[in-house]
Amino acid sequence: MPLKIKSVSGSVTLDAQNVAGDQTLTVPSIAGGKTLLTTDGDGSSLTGVGDLSFGGDTFGADKTIGSNDNYALSFETNNTERLKITNDGRGLSQFTAKSWINMNGQGTISIRDSHNVSSISDENSGYYTVSFANNLGNGNYSVVATANNGANTANTDCGASPGSTASYVIDTWESTNASRSDFAIVCAAVFGD
């Protein structure tokens, strides 16, 4: 069956653009016909593209997904966003920590390592405020915390609670006498929106 090229607005020109040798344009034979995407198309008419696949069971090497622009990368299933990687590298979802910290809570307090923490404040003995680098979406988040003095962990206790979308508080105390006390290792993680 011969190939038919039809234009609704005039003539159609196929040009090999000065490439040496024969050129072949292959159009799949599909019932009902298909429309070729034009050079200025946005891809919205493409169908049957299927799921993203890298093939095989292993990558064999590092792969990069994304782009060099200033936008986020989102992963969706069932028309619902499940994970968003923001342009500053944070992973936002209900199953990833929005913030975490490992800090020295004795003497001159300091952050050993953290994610989405801008600063910490020593409010009083055994009482700290941790401020987010990027505020949370609302104040209904969960904070889990732990603390110890290195080798002696039997008499240490710790609690944390949401303060605002910008910060939360950590309390540490001696469990034997319930008095607030500074500890060498204080850790916390935040989950929420």
N, C-alpha and C. Protein backbone atom coordinates (compact mmCIF):
# COMPACT_ATOMS: atom_id res chain seq x y z
N MET A 1 0.86 -1.17 0.00
CA MET A 1 0.00 0.00 0.00
C MET A 1 0.90 1.23 0.00
N PRO A 2 0.64 2.19 -0.87
CA PRO A 2 1.51 3.35 -0.95
C PRO A 2 1.32 4.28 0.25
N LEU A 3 2.38 5.01 0.59
CA LEU A 3 2.35 5.99 1.67
C LEU A 3 1.69 7.25 1.17
N LYS A 4 0.71 7.77 1.93
CA LYS A 4 0.04 9.00 1.56
C LYS A 4 0.46 10.11 2.53
N ILE A 5 0.87 11.23 1.98
CA ILE A 5 1.20 12.39 2.80
C ILE A 5 0.17 13.46 2.47
N LYS A 6 -0.54 13.93 3.50
CA LYS A 6 -1.62 14.86 3.29
C LYS A 6 -1.40 16.11 4.13
N SER A 7 -1.72 17.24 3.58
CA SER A 7 -1.63 18.49 4.32
C SER A 7 -2.99 19.16 4.29
N VAL A 8 -3.41 19.68 5.43
CA VAL A 8 -4.70 20.37 5.48
C VAL A 8 -4.54 21.85 5.16
N SER A 9 -3.32 22.33 5.02
CA SER A 9 -3.13 23.76 4.79
C SER A 9 -2.19 24.08 3.64
N GLY A 10 -1.97 23.15 2.74
CA GLY A 10 -1.08 23.44 1.62
C GLY A 10 -0.15 22.29 1.33
N SER A 11 1.01 22.61 0.78
CA SER A 11 1.95 21.58 0.37
C SER A 11 2.80 21.07 1.53
N VAL A 12 3.39 19.90 1.33
CA VAL A 12 4.29 19.28 2.30
C VAL A 12 5.62 19.04 1.62
N THR A 13 6.72 19.39 2.28
CA THR A 13 8.04 19.19 1.71
C THR A 13 8.84 18.30 2.64
N LEU A 14 9.42 17.24 2.09
CA LEU A 14 10.35 16.40 2.84
C LEU A 14 11.74 16.73 2.33
N ASP A 15 12.63 17.13 3.22
CA ASP A 15 13.95 17.60 2.84
C ASP A 15 15.00 16.83 3.62
N ALA A 16 15.97 16.26 2.93
CA ALA A 16 17.04 15.51 3.59
C ALA A 16 18.12 16.43 4.14
N GLN A 17 17.99 17.74 3.97
CA GLN A 17 18.89 18.75 4.52
C GLN A 17 20.36 18.46 4.19
N ASN A 18 20.62 18.17 2.92
CA ASN A 18 21.99 18.01 2.42
C ASN A 18 22.78 16.90 3.10
N VAL A 19 22.07 15.85 3.53
CA VAL A 19 22.76 14.70 4.13
C VAL A 19 23.07 13.72 3.02
N ALA A 20 24.32 13.27 2.94
CA ALA A 20 24.72 12.35 1.88
C ALA A 20 24.05 11.01 2.06
N GLY A 21 23.67 10.37 0.94
CA GLY A 21 23.09 9.04 0.99
C GLY A 21 21.57 9.09 1.07
N ASP A 22 20.95 7.93 0.94
CA ASP A 22 19.49 7.85 0.99
C ASP A 22 19.01 8.01 2.43
N GLN A 23 17.83 8.61 2.58
CA GLN A 23 17.20 8.78 3.88
C GLN A 23 15.87 8.05 3.86
N THR A 24 15.49 7.44 5.00
CA THR A 24 14.24 6.69 5.06
C THR A 24 13.38 7.23 6.20
N LEU A 25 12.14 7.51 5.91
CA LEU A 25 11.16 7.89 6.91
C LEU A 25 10.25 6.69 7.11
N THR A 26 10.25 6.13 8.31
CA THR A 26 9.45 4.94 8.58
C THR A 26 8.28 5.33 9.48
N VAL A 27 7.08 5.05 9.02
CA VAL A 27 5.87 5.35 9.77
C VAL A 27 5.22 4.02 10.12
N PRO A 28 4.92 3.77 11.41
CA PRO A 28 4.34 2.48 11.78
C PRO A 28 2.94 2.33 11.19
N SER A 29 2.60 1.07 10.87
CA SER A 29 1.29 0.75 10.35
C SER A 29 0.37 0.42 11.51
N ILE A 30 -0.47 1.38 11.88
CA ILE A 30 -1.36 1.20 13.03
C ILE A 30 -2.77 1.55 12.58
N ALA A 31 -3.72 0.68 12.90
CA ALA A 31 -5.11 0.91 12.51
C ALA A 31 -5.59 2.25 13.06
N GLY A 32 -6.28 3.01 12.26
CA GLY A 32 -6.82 4.29 12.70
C GLY A 32 -5.87 5.44 12.43
N GLY A 33 -4.62 5.15 12.07
CA GLY A 33 -3.66 6.19 11.74
C GLY A 33 -3.11 6.90 12.97
N LYS A 34 -2.00 7.59 12.79
CA LYS A 34 -1.35 8.34 13.85
C LYS A 34 -0.90 9.68 13.30
N THR A 35 -0.72 10.65 14.17
CA THR A 35 -0.27 11.98 13.78
C THR A 35 1.17 12.16 14.22
N LEU A 36 2.01 12.57 13.30
CA LEU A 36 3.40 12.86 13.65
C LEU A 36 3.47 14.14 14.47
N LEU A 37 4.32 14.15 15.48
CA LEU A 37 4.49 15.34 16.31
C LEU A 37 5.33 16.35 15.54
N THR A 38 4.85 17.58 15.49
CA THR A 38 5.58 18.62 14.78
C THR A 38 6.73 19.14 15.63
N THR A 39 7.65 19.86 15.01
CA THR A 39 8.83 20.33 15.73
C THR A 39 8.50 21.30 16.83
N ASP A 40 7.33 21.97 16.74
CA ASP A 40 6.96 22.91 17.79
C ASP A 40 5.91 22.34 18.72
N GLY A 41 5.69 21.01 18.64
CA GLY A 41 4.70 20.38 19.51
C GLY A 41 5.20 20.26 20.94
N ASP A 42 4.25 20.11 21.88
CA ASP A 42 4.62 19.99 23.29
C ASP A 42 4.57 18.56 23.79
N GLY A 43 4.23 17.61 22.92
CA GLY A 43 4.19 16.20 23.32
C GLY A 43 2.88 15.78 23.92
N SER A 44 1.90 16.71 24.05
CA SER A 44 0.64 16.38 24.71
C SER A 44 -0.18 15.37 23.91
N SER A 45 0.05 15.24 22.60
CA SER A 45 -0.72 14.29 21.79
C SER A 45 -0.11 12.90 21.75
N LEU A 46 1.04 12.70 22.37
CA LEU A 46 1.67 11.38 22.37
C LEU A 46 0.88 10.42 23.24
N THR A 47 0.69 9.21 22.75
CA THR A 47 0.00 8.18 23.53
C THR A 47 0.79 6.89 23.45
N GLY A 48 0.52 6.00 24.37
CA GLY A 48 1.16 4.70 24.34
C GLY A 48 2.65 4.74 24.62
N VAL A 49 3.11 5.78 25.34
CA VAL A 49 4.54 5.90 25.62
C VAL A 49 4.97 4.83 26.62
N GLY A 50 4.10 4.48 27.57
CA GLY A 50 4.42 3.42 28.53
C GLY A 50 5.19 3.93 29.73
N ASP A 51 5.56 3.02 30.61
CA ASP A 51 6.28 3.36 31.82
C ASP A 51 7.75 3.61 31.55
N LEU A 52 8.36 4.42 32.39
CA LEU A 52 9.80 4.68 32.30
C LEU A 52 10.55 3.40 32.64
N SER A 53 11.50 3.03 31.82
CA SER A 53 12.24 1.81 32.04
C SER A 53 13.69 2.02 31.63
N PHE A 54 14.60 1.49 32.42
CA PHE A 54 16.01 1.56 32.10
C PHE A 54 16.52 0.22 31.55
N GLY A 55 15.69 -0.79 31.58
CA GLY A 55 16.05 -2.08 31.03
C GLY A 55 17.03 -2.84 31.89
N GLY A 56 16.91 -4.15 31.89
CA GLY A 56 17.83 -4.98 32.66
C GLY A 56 17.56 -4.90 34.15
N ASP A 57 18.29 -5.69 34.91
CA ASP A 57 18.11 -5.73 36.35
C ASP A 57 19.03 -4.77 37.08
N THR A 58 20.12 -4.37 36.46
CA THR A 58 21.07 -3.48 37.13
C THR A 58 21.48 -2.36 36.19
N PHE A 59 21.84 -1.23 36.76
CA PHE A 59 22.30 -0.11 35.96
C PHE A 59 23.69 -0.37 35.38
N GLY A 60 24.58 -0.96 36.17
CA GLY A 60 25.94 -1.17 35.72
C GLY A 60 26.82 0.04 35.89
N ALA A 61 26.20 1.19 36.11
CA ALA A 61 26.93 2.43 36.32
C ALA A 61 25.94 3.45 36.87
N ASP A 62 26.45 4.56 37.41
CA ASP A 62 25.58 5.62 37.92
C ASP A 62 24.75 6.21 36.78
N LYS A 63 23.51 6.56 37.08
CA LYS A 63 22.62 7.19 36.11
C LYS A 63 22.10 8.50 36.71
N THR A 64 21.79 9.44 35.86
CA THR A 64 21.23 10.72 36.30
C THR A 64 19.83 10.87 35.73
N ILE A 65 18.89 11.19 36.60
CA ILE A 65 17.52 11.49 36.19
C ILE A 65 17.27 12.93 36.60
N GLY A 66 16.75 13.73 35.71
CA GLY A 66 16.46 15.12 36.04
C GLY A 66 17.07 16.05 35.02
N SER A 67 17.26 17.28 35.43
CA SER A 67 17.79 18.27 34.50
C SER A 67 18.61 19.29 35.27
N ASN A 68 19.20 20.20 34.54
CA ASN A 68 20.04 21.22 35.15
C ASN A 68 19.29 22.51 35.41
N ASP A 69 17.96 22.49 35.32
CA ASP A 69 17.20 23.71 35.57
C ASP A 69 16.89 23.85 37.06
N ASN A 70 16.04 24.80 37.38
CA ASN A 70 15.77 25.15 38.77
C ASN A 70 14.42 24.62 39.24
N TYR A 71 13.98 23.47 38.71
CA TYR A 71 12.68 22.93 39.04
C TYR A 71 12.80 21.66 39.89
N ALA A 72 11.69 21.30 40.52
CA ALA A 72 11.63 20.08 41.31
C ALA A 72 11.36 18.87 40.41
N LEU A 73 11.65 17.69 40.91
CA LEU A 73 11.37 16.43 40.23
C LEU A 73 10.37 15.67 41.09
N SER A 74 9.23 15.31 40.53
CA SER A 74 8.18 14.64 41.30
C SER A 74 7.95 13.22 40.79
N PHE A 75 7.59 12.33 41.72
CA PHE A 75 7.24 10.95 41.41
C PHE A 75 5.79 10.74 41.81
N GLU A 76 4.99 10.27 40.86
CA GLU A 76 3.57 10.08 41.12
C GLU A 76 3.16 8.64 40.83
N THR A 77 2.17 8.17 41.60
CA THR A 77 1.49 6.92 41.29
C THR A 77 0.01 7.18 41.52
N ASN A 78 -0.83 6.58 40.70
CA ASN A 78 -2.28 6.71 40.83
C ASN A 78 -2.71 8.17 40.90
N ASN A 79 -2.09 9.02 40.08
CA ASN A 79 -2.38 10.46 40.01
C ASN A 79 -2.16 11.19 41.33
N THR A 80 -1.28 10.67 42.19
CA THR A 80 -0.98 11.30 43.47
C THR A 80 0.53 11.44 43.61
N GLU A 81 0.97 12.65 43.96
CA GLU A 81 2.41 12.86 44.16
C GLU A 81 2.87 12.11 45.42
N ARG A 82 3.87 11.26 45.27
CA ARG A 82 4.37 10.45 46.38
C ARG A 82 5.69 10.99 46.92
N LEU A 83 6.52 11.57 46.04
CA LEU A 83 7.83 12.08 46.44
C LEU A 83 8.21 13.23 45.53
N LYS A 84 8.70 14.31 46.13
CA LYS A 84 9.20 15.44 45.35
C LYS A 84 10.62 15.73 45.79
N ILE A 85 11.54 15.80 44.82
CA ILE A 85 12.90 16.23 45.09
C ILE A 85 12.96 17.71 44.72
N THR A 86 13.16 18.57 45.71
CA THR A 86 13.15 20.01 45.45
C THR A 86 14.47 20.44 44.81
N ASN A 87 14.49 21.66 44.27
CA ASN A 87 15.69 22.13 43.60
C ASN A 87 16.85 22.38 44.55
N ASP A 88 16.60 22.35 45.87
CA ASP A 88 17.70 22.47 46.84
C ASP A 88 18.10 21.12 47.42
N GLY A 89 17.56 20.02 46.84
CA GLY A 89 18.00 18.68 47.21
C GLY A 89 17.21 17.99 48.30
N ARG A 90 16.16 18.62 48.82
CA ARG A 90 15.35 17.97 49.86
C ARG A 90 14.36 17.01 49.23
N GLY A 91 14.14 15.88 49.88
CA GLY A 91 13.13 14.92 49.46
C GLY A 91 11.89 15.10 50.30
N LEU A 92 10.77 15.48 49.67
CA LEU A 92 9.53 15.73 50.41
C LEU A 92 8.51 14.63 50.14
N SER A 93 8.12 13.96 51.22
CA SER A 93 7.09 12.93 51.15
C SER A 93 6.65 12.65 52.57
N GLN A 94 5.64 11.80 52.71
CA GLN A 94 5.19 11.41 54.04
C GLN A 94 6.10 10.36 54.66
N PHE A 95 7.03 9.81 53.89
CA PHE A 95 7.90 8.76 54.43
C PHE A 95 9.36 9.18 54.55
N THR A 96 9.66 10.44 54.29
CA THR A 96 11.04 10.93 54.46
C THR A 96 11.08 11.96 55.57
N ALA A 97 12.20 12.01 56.29
CA ALA A 97 12.34 12.99 57.37
C ALA A 97 12.45 14.39 56.77
N LYS A 98 11.67 15.33 57.29
CA LYS A 98 11.74 16.71 56.82
C LYS A 98 12.96 17.41 57.41
N SER A 99 13.45 16.89 58.53
CA SER A 99 14.62 17.47 59.18
C SER A 99 15.18 16.44 60.15
N TRP A 100 16.49 16.49 60.37
CA TRP A 100 17.11 15.68 61.42
C TRP A 100 18.37 16.38 61.90
N ILE A 101 18.79 16.03 63.11
CA ILE A 101 19.97 16.66 63.69
C ILE A 101 20.69 15.69 64.62
N ASN A 102 22.01 15.79 64.65
CA ASN A 102 22.86 15.15 65.64
C ASN A 102 23.71 16.28 66.19
N MET A 103 23.52 16.59 67.48
CA MET A 103 24.19 17.75 68.06
C MET A 103 24.88 17.45 69.38
N ASN A 104 25.85 18.28 69.72
CA ASN A 104 26.49 18.26 71.03
C ASN A 104 25.68 19.21 71.92
N GLY A 105 25.13 18.67 72.99
CA GLY A 105 24.28 19.47 73.87
C GLY A 105 24.98 19.94 75.14
N GLN A 106 26.29 19.74 75.27
CA GLN A 106 27.02 20.16 76.47
C GLN A 106 27.98 21.29 76.14
N GLY A 107 28.23 22.14 77.15
CA GLY A 107 29.19 23.23 76.97
C GLY A 107 28.75 24.16 75.85
N THR A 108 29.63 24.41 74.90
CA THR A 108 29.26 25.19 73.72
C THR A 108 28.57 24.25 72.75
N ILE A 109 27.25 24.38 72.66
CA ILE A 109 26.49 23.45 71.82
C ILE A 109 26.88 23.63 70.35
N SER A 110 26.80 22.55 69.61
CA SER A 110 27.15 22.61 68.20
C SER A 110 26.45 21.50 67.43
N ILE A 111 26.27 21.73 66.14
CA ILE A 111 25.66 20.74 65.25
C ILE A 111 26.75 19.86 64.67
N ARG A 112 26.67 18.56 64.92
CA ARG A 112 27.62 17.62 64.30
C ARG A 112 27.26 17.39 62.83
N ASP A 113 25.98 17.13 62.60
CA ASP A 113 25.49 16.93 61.24
C ASP A 113 23.98 17.14 61.28
N SER A 114 23.40 17.50 60.13
CA SER A 114 21.96 17.78 60.12
C SER A 114 21.44 17.85 58.70
N HIS A 115 20.14 17.91 58.59
CA HIS A 115 19.44 18.15 57.32
C HIS A 115 18.29 19.09 57.61
N ASN A 116 18.16 20.15 56.83
CA ASN A 116 17.11 21.16 56.97
C ASN A 116 17.10 21.79 58.36
N VAL A 117 18.27 22.07 58.91
CA VAL A 117 18.41 22.79 60.18
C VAL A 117 19.24 24.03 59.92
N SER A 118 18.73 25.19 60.33
CA SER A 118 19.49 26.43 60.13
C SER A 118 20.32 26.78 61.36
N SER A 119 19.78 26.48 62.57
CA SER A 119 20.51 26.84 63.79
C SER A 119 19.91 26.13 65.00
N ILE A 120 20.67 26.14 66.10
CA ILE A 120 20.18 25.64 67.39
C ILE A 120 20.44 26.71 68.45
N SER A 121 19.58 26.74 69.45
CA SER A 121 19.73 27.70 70.55
C SER A 121 19.72 26.97 71.87
N ASP A 122 20.63 27.36 72.76
CA ASP A 122 20.69 26.79 74.11
C ASP A 122 19.86 27.68 75.01
N GLU A 123 18.61 27.28 75.27
CA GLU A 123 17.67 28.12 76.02
C GLU A 123 17.93 28.08 77.52
N ASN A 124 18.35 26.92 78.01
CA ASN A 124 18.59 26.73 79.44
C ASN A 124 19.19 25.34 79.59
N SER A 125 19.46 24.94 80.79
CA SER A 125 20.00 23.61 81.02
C SER A 125 19.00 22.57 80.52
N GLY A 126 19.45 21.70 79.61
CA GLY A 126 18.60 20.64 79.09
C GLY A 126 17.43 21.12 78.24
N TYR A 127 17.54 22.30 77.64
CA TYR A 127 16.43 22.86 76.86
C TYR A 127 16.98 23.55 75.63
N TYR A 128 16.62 23.07 74.44
CA TYR A 128 17.16 23.58 73.18
C TYR A 128 16.03 23.89 72.20
N THR A 129 16.28 24.86 71.35
CA THR A 129 15.39 25.15 70.23
C THR A 129 16.14 24.85 68.94
N VAL A 130 15.51 24.08 68.07
CA VAL A 130 16.09 23.75 66.76
C VAL A 130 15.26 24.46 65.70
N SER A 131 15.90 25.28 64.86
CA SER A 131 15.20 26.03 63.82
C SER A 131 15.43 25.38 62.46
N PHE A 132 14.35 25.34 61.66
CA PHE A 132 14.42 24.76 60.32
C PHE A 132 15.04 25.74 59.34
N ALA A 133 15.76 25.21 58.36
CA ALA A 133 16.25 26.04 57.25
C ALA A 133 15.09 26.36 56.31
N ASN A 134 14.19 25.40 56.10
CA ASN A 134 12.97 25.59 55.31
C ASN A 134 11.79 25.20 56.19
N ASN A 135 10.90 26.14 56.44
CA ASN A 135 9.76 25.89 57.33
C ASN A 135 8.92 24.72 56.86
N LEU A 136 8.24 24.06 57.80
CA LEU A 136 7.34 22.97 57.47
C LEU A 136 6.01 23.53 56.99
N GLY A 137 5.21 22.68 56.32
CA GLY A 137 3.95 23.11 55.75
C GLY A 137 2.90 23.46 56.79
N ASN A 138 2.94 22.82 57.96
CA ASN A 138 2.01 23.13 59.05
C ASN A 138 2.63 22.65 60.36
N GLY A 139 1.97 22.95 61.47
CA GLY A 139 2.50 22.60 62.79
C GLY A 139 2.13 21.21 63.27
N ASN A 140 1.48 20.42 62.43
CA ASN A 140 1.03 19.08 62.83
C ASN A 140 2.05 18.02 62.46
N TYR A 141 3.29 18.22 62.87
CA TYR A 141 4.33 17.25 62.55
C TYR A 141 4.73 16.47 63.79
N SER A 142 5.54 15.46 63.60
CA SER A 142 6.00 14.60 64.69
C SER A 142 7.50 14.74 64.86
N VAL A 143 7.95 14.81 66.12
CA VAL A 143 9.38 14.89 66.43
C VAL A 143 9.73 13.72 67.34
N VAL A 144 10.77 12.99 66.97
CA VAL A 144 11.29 11.94 67.84
C VAL A 144 12.72 12.33 68.21
N ALA A 145 13.09 12.12 69.46
CA ALA A 145 14.41 12.56 69.93
C ALA A 145 14.99 11.56 70.91
N THR A 146 16.30 11.58 71.00
CA THR A 146 17.02 10.74 71.95
C THR A 146 18.27 11.47 72.40
N ALA A 147 18.77 11.11 73.56
CA ALA A 147 19.98 11.76 74.08
C ALA A 147 20.71 10.80 75.00
N ASN A 148 22.04 11.00 75.11
CA ASN A 148 22.81 10.23 76.08
C ASN A 148 24.13 10.92 76.36
N ASN A 149 24.82 10.43 77.37
CA ASN A 149 26.12 10.99 77.77
C ASN A 149 27.26 10.09 77.35
N GLY A 150 27.16 9.48 76.22
CA GLY A 150 28.23 8.59 75.76
C GLY A 150 28.08 7.22 76.38
N ALA A 151 28.97 6.87 77.30
CA ALA A 151 28.97 5.54 77.89
C ALA A 151 27.81 5.33 78.86
N ASN A 152 27.40 6.38 79.60
CA ASN A 152 26.35 6.25 80.61
C ASN A 152 25.02 6.69 80.04
N THR A 153 24.18 5.74 79.64
CA THR A 153 22.87 6.07 79.08
C THR A 153 21.73 5.65 79.99
N ALA A 154 22.03 5.04 81.12
CA ALA A 154 20.98 4.49 81.98
C ALA A 154 20.10 5.56 82.60
N ASN A 155 20.64 6.75 82.90
CA ASN A 155 19.87 7.75 83.61
C ASN A 155 19.50 8.96 82.76
N THR A 156 19.52 8.81 81.45
CA THR A 156 19.20 9.94 80.57
C THR A 156 17.79 9.79 80.02
N ASP A 157 17.14 10.91 79.81
CA ASP A 157 15.81 10.92 79.23
C ASP A 157 15.68 12.14 78.34
N CYS A 158 14.77 12.05 77.36
CA CYS A 158 14.69 13.11 76.36
C CYS A 158 13.27 13.18 75.81
N GLY A 159 12.85 14.38 75.46
CA GLY A 159 11.55 14.58 74.83
C GLY A 159 11.64 15.74 73.85
N ALA A 160 10.75 15.77 72.89
CA ALA A 160 10.72 16.86 71.91
C ALA A 160 9.28 17.10 71.51
N SER A 161 8.97 18.34 71.15
CA SER A 161 7.62 18.66 70.72
C SER A 161 7.64 19.79 69.70
N PRO A 162 6.64 19.79 68.78
CA PRO A 162 6.56 20.86 67.80
C PRO A 162 6.37 22.21 68.47
N GLY A 163 7.09 23.20 68.00
CA GLY A 163 6.92 24.55 68.53
C GLY A 163 6.14 25.40 67.54
N SER A 164 6.56 25.39 66.29
CA SER A 164 5.91 26.13 65.21
C SER A 164 6.37 25.52 63.89
N THR A 165 5.94 26.09 62.78
CA THR A 165 6.41 25.60 61.49
C THR A 165 7.87 25.95 61.26
N ALA A 166 8.43 26.83 62.12
CA ALA A 166 9.81 27.29 61.95
C ALA A 166 10.79 26.61 62.90
N SER A 167 10.31 26.01 64.00
CA SER A 167 11.23 25.42 64.99
C SER A 167 10.51 24.45 65.91
N TYR A 168 11.32 23.69 66.67
CA TYR A 168 10.77 22.81 67.69
C TYR A 168 11.72 22.80 68.88
N VAL A 169 11.26 22.21 70.01
CA VAL A 169 12.07 22.22 71.23
C VAL A 169 12.43 20.79 71.64
N ILE A 170 13.60 20.67 72.25
CA ILE A 170 14.06 19.40 72.81
C ILE A 170 14.36 19.62 74.28
N ASP A 171 13.86 18.71 75.14
CA ASP A 171 14.15 18.72 76.58
C ASP A 171 14.94 17.47 76.92
N THR A 172 16.00 17.63 77.73
CA THR A 172 16.78 16.48 78.21
C THR A 172 16.88 16.57 79.72
N TRP A 173 16.80 15.42 80.41
CA TRP A 173 16.84 15.42 81.87
C TRP A 173 17.36 14.11 82.41
N GLU A 174 17.80 14.15 83.66
CA GLU A 174 18.24 12.96 84.39
C GLU A 174 17.00 12.22 84.88
N SER A 175 16.85 10.97 84.50
CA SER A 175 15.64 10.23 84.88
C SER A 175 15.60 9.89 86.36
N THR A 176 16.76 9.87 87.03
CA THR A 176 16.78 9.51 88.46
C THR A 176 16.17 10.60 89.33
N ASN A 177 16.36 11.87 88.97
CA ASN A 177 15.82 12.95 89.80
C ASN A 177 14.97 13.95 89.01
N ALA A 178 14.70 13.68 87.75
CA ALA A 178 13.86 14.50 86.87
C ALA A 178 14.35 15.93 86.71
N SER A 179 15.66 16.16 86.93
CA SER A 179 16.19 17.52 86.75
C SER A 179 16.77 17.65 85.34
N ARG A 180 16.53 18.80 84.72
CA ARG A 180 17.07 19.04 83.39
C ARG A 180 18.59 19.01 83.42
N SER A 181 19.14 18.42 82.36
CA SER A 181 20.59 18.27 82.29
C SER A 181 21.03 18.27 80.83
N ASP A 182 22.20 18.82 80.57
CA ASP A 182 22.78 18.82 79.21
C ASP A 182 23.46 17.49 78.95
N PHE A 183 23.31 16.96 77.74
CA PHE A 183 23.91 15.70 77.37
C PHE A 183 24.82 15.87 76.17
N ALA A 184 25.80 14.97 76.07
CA ALA A 184 26.81 15.07 75.02
C ALA A 184 26.23 14.78 73.64
N ILE A 185 25.29 13.87 73.54
CA ILE A 185 24.72 13.48 72.25
C ILE A 185 23.21 13.68 72.29
N VAL A 186 22.72 14.54 71.43
CA VAL A 186 21.28 14.80 71.32
C VAL A 186 20.92 14.65 69.84
N CYS A 187 19.95 13.79 69.55
CA CYS A 187 19.54 13.54 68.17
C CYS A 187 18.02 13.67 68.05
N ALA A 188 17.55 14.17 66.90
CA ALA A 188 16.11 14.28 66.66
C ALA A 188 15.82 14.17 65.17
N ALA A 189 14.61 13.71 64.86
CA ALA A 189 14.15 13.63 63.47
C ALA A 189 12.70 14.11 63.42
N VAL A 190 12.34 14.77 62.33
CA VAL A 190 11.00 15.37 62.17
C VAL A 190 10.34 14.78 60.94
N PHE A 191 9.06 14.37 61.09
CA PHE A 191 8.26 13.87 59.99
C PHE A 191 6.96 14.68 59.93
N GLY A 192 6.53 15.03 58.76
CA GLY A 192 5.30 15.80 58.59
C GLY A 192 5.24 16.43 57.21
N ASP A 193 4.44 17.49 57.08
CA ASP A 193 4.29 18.18 55.79
C ASP A 193 5.25 19.36 55.66
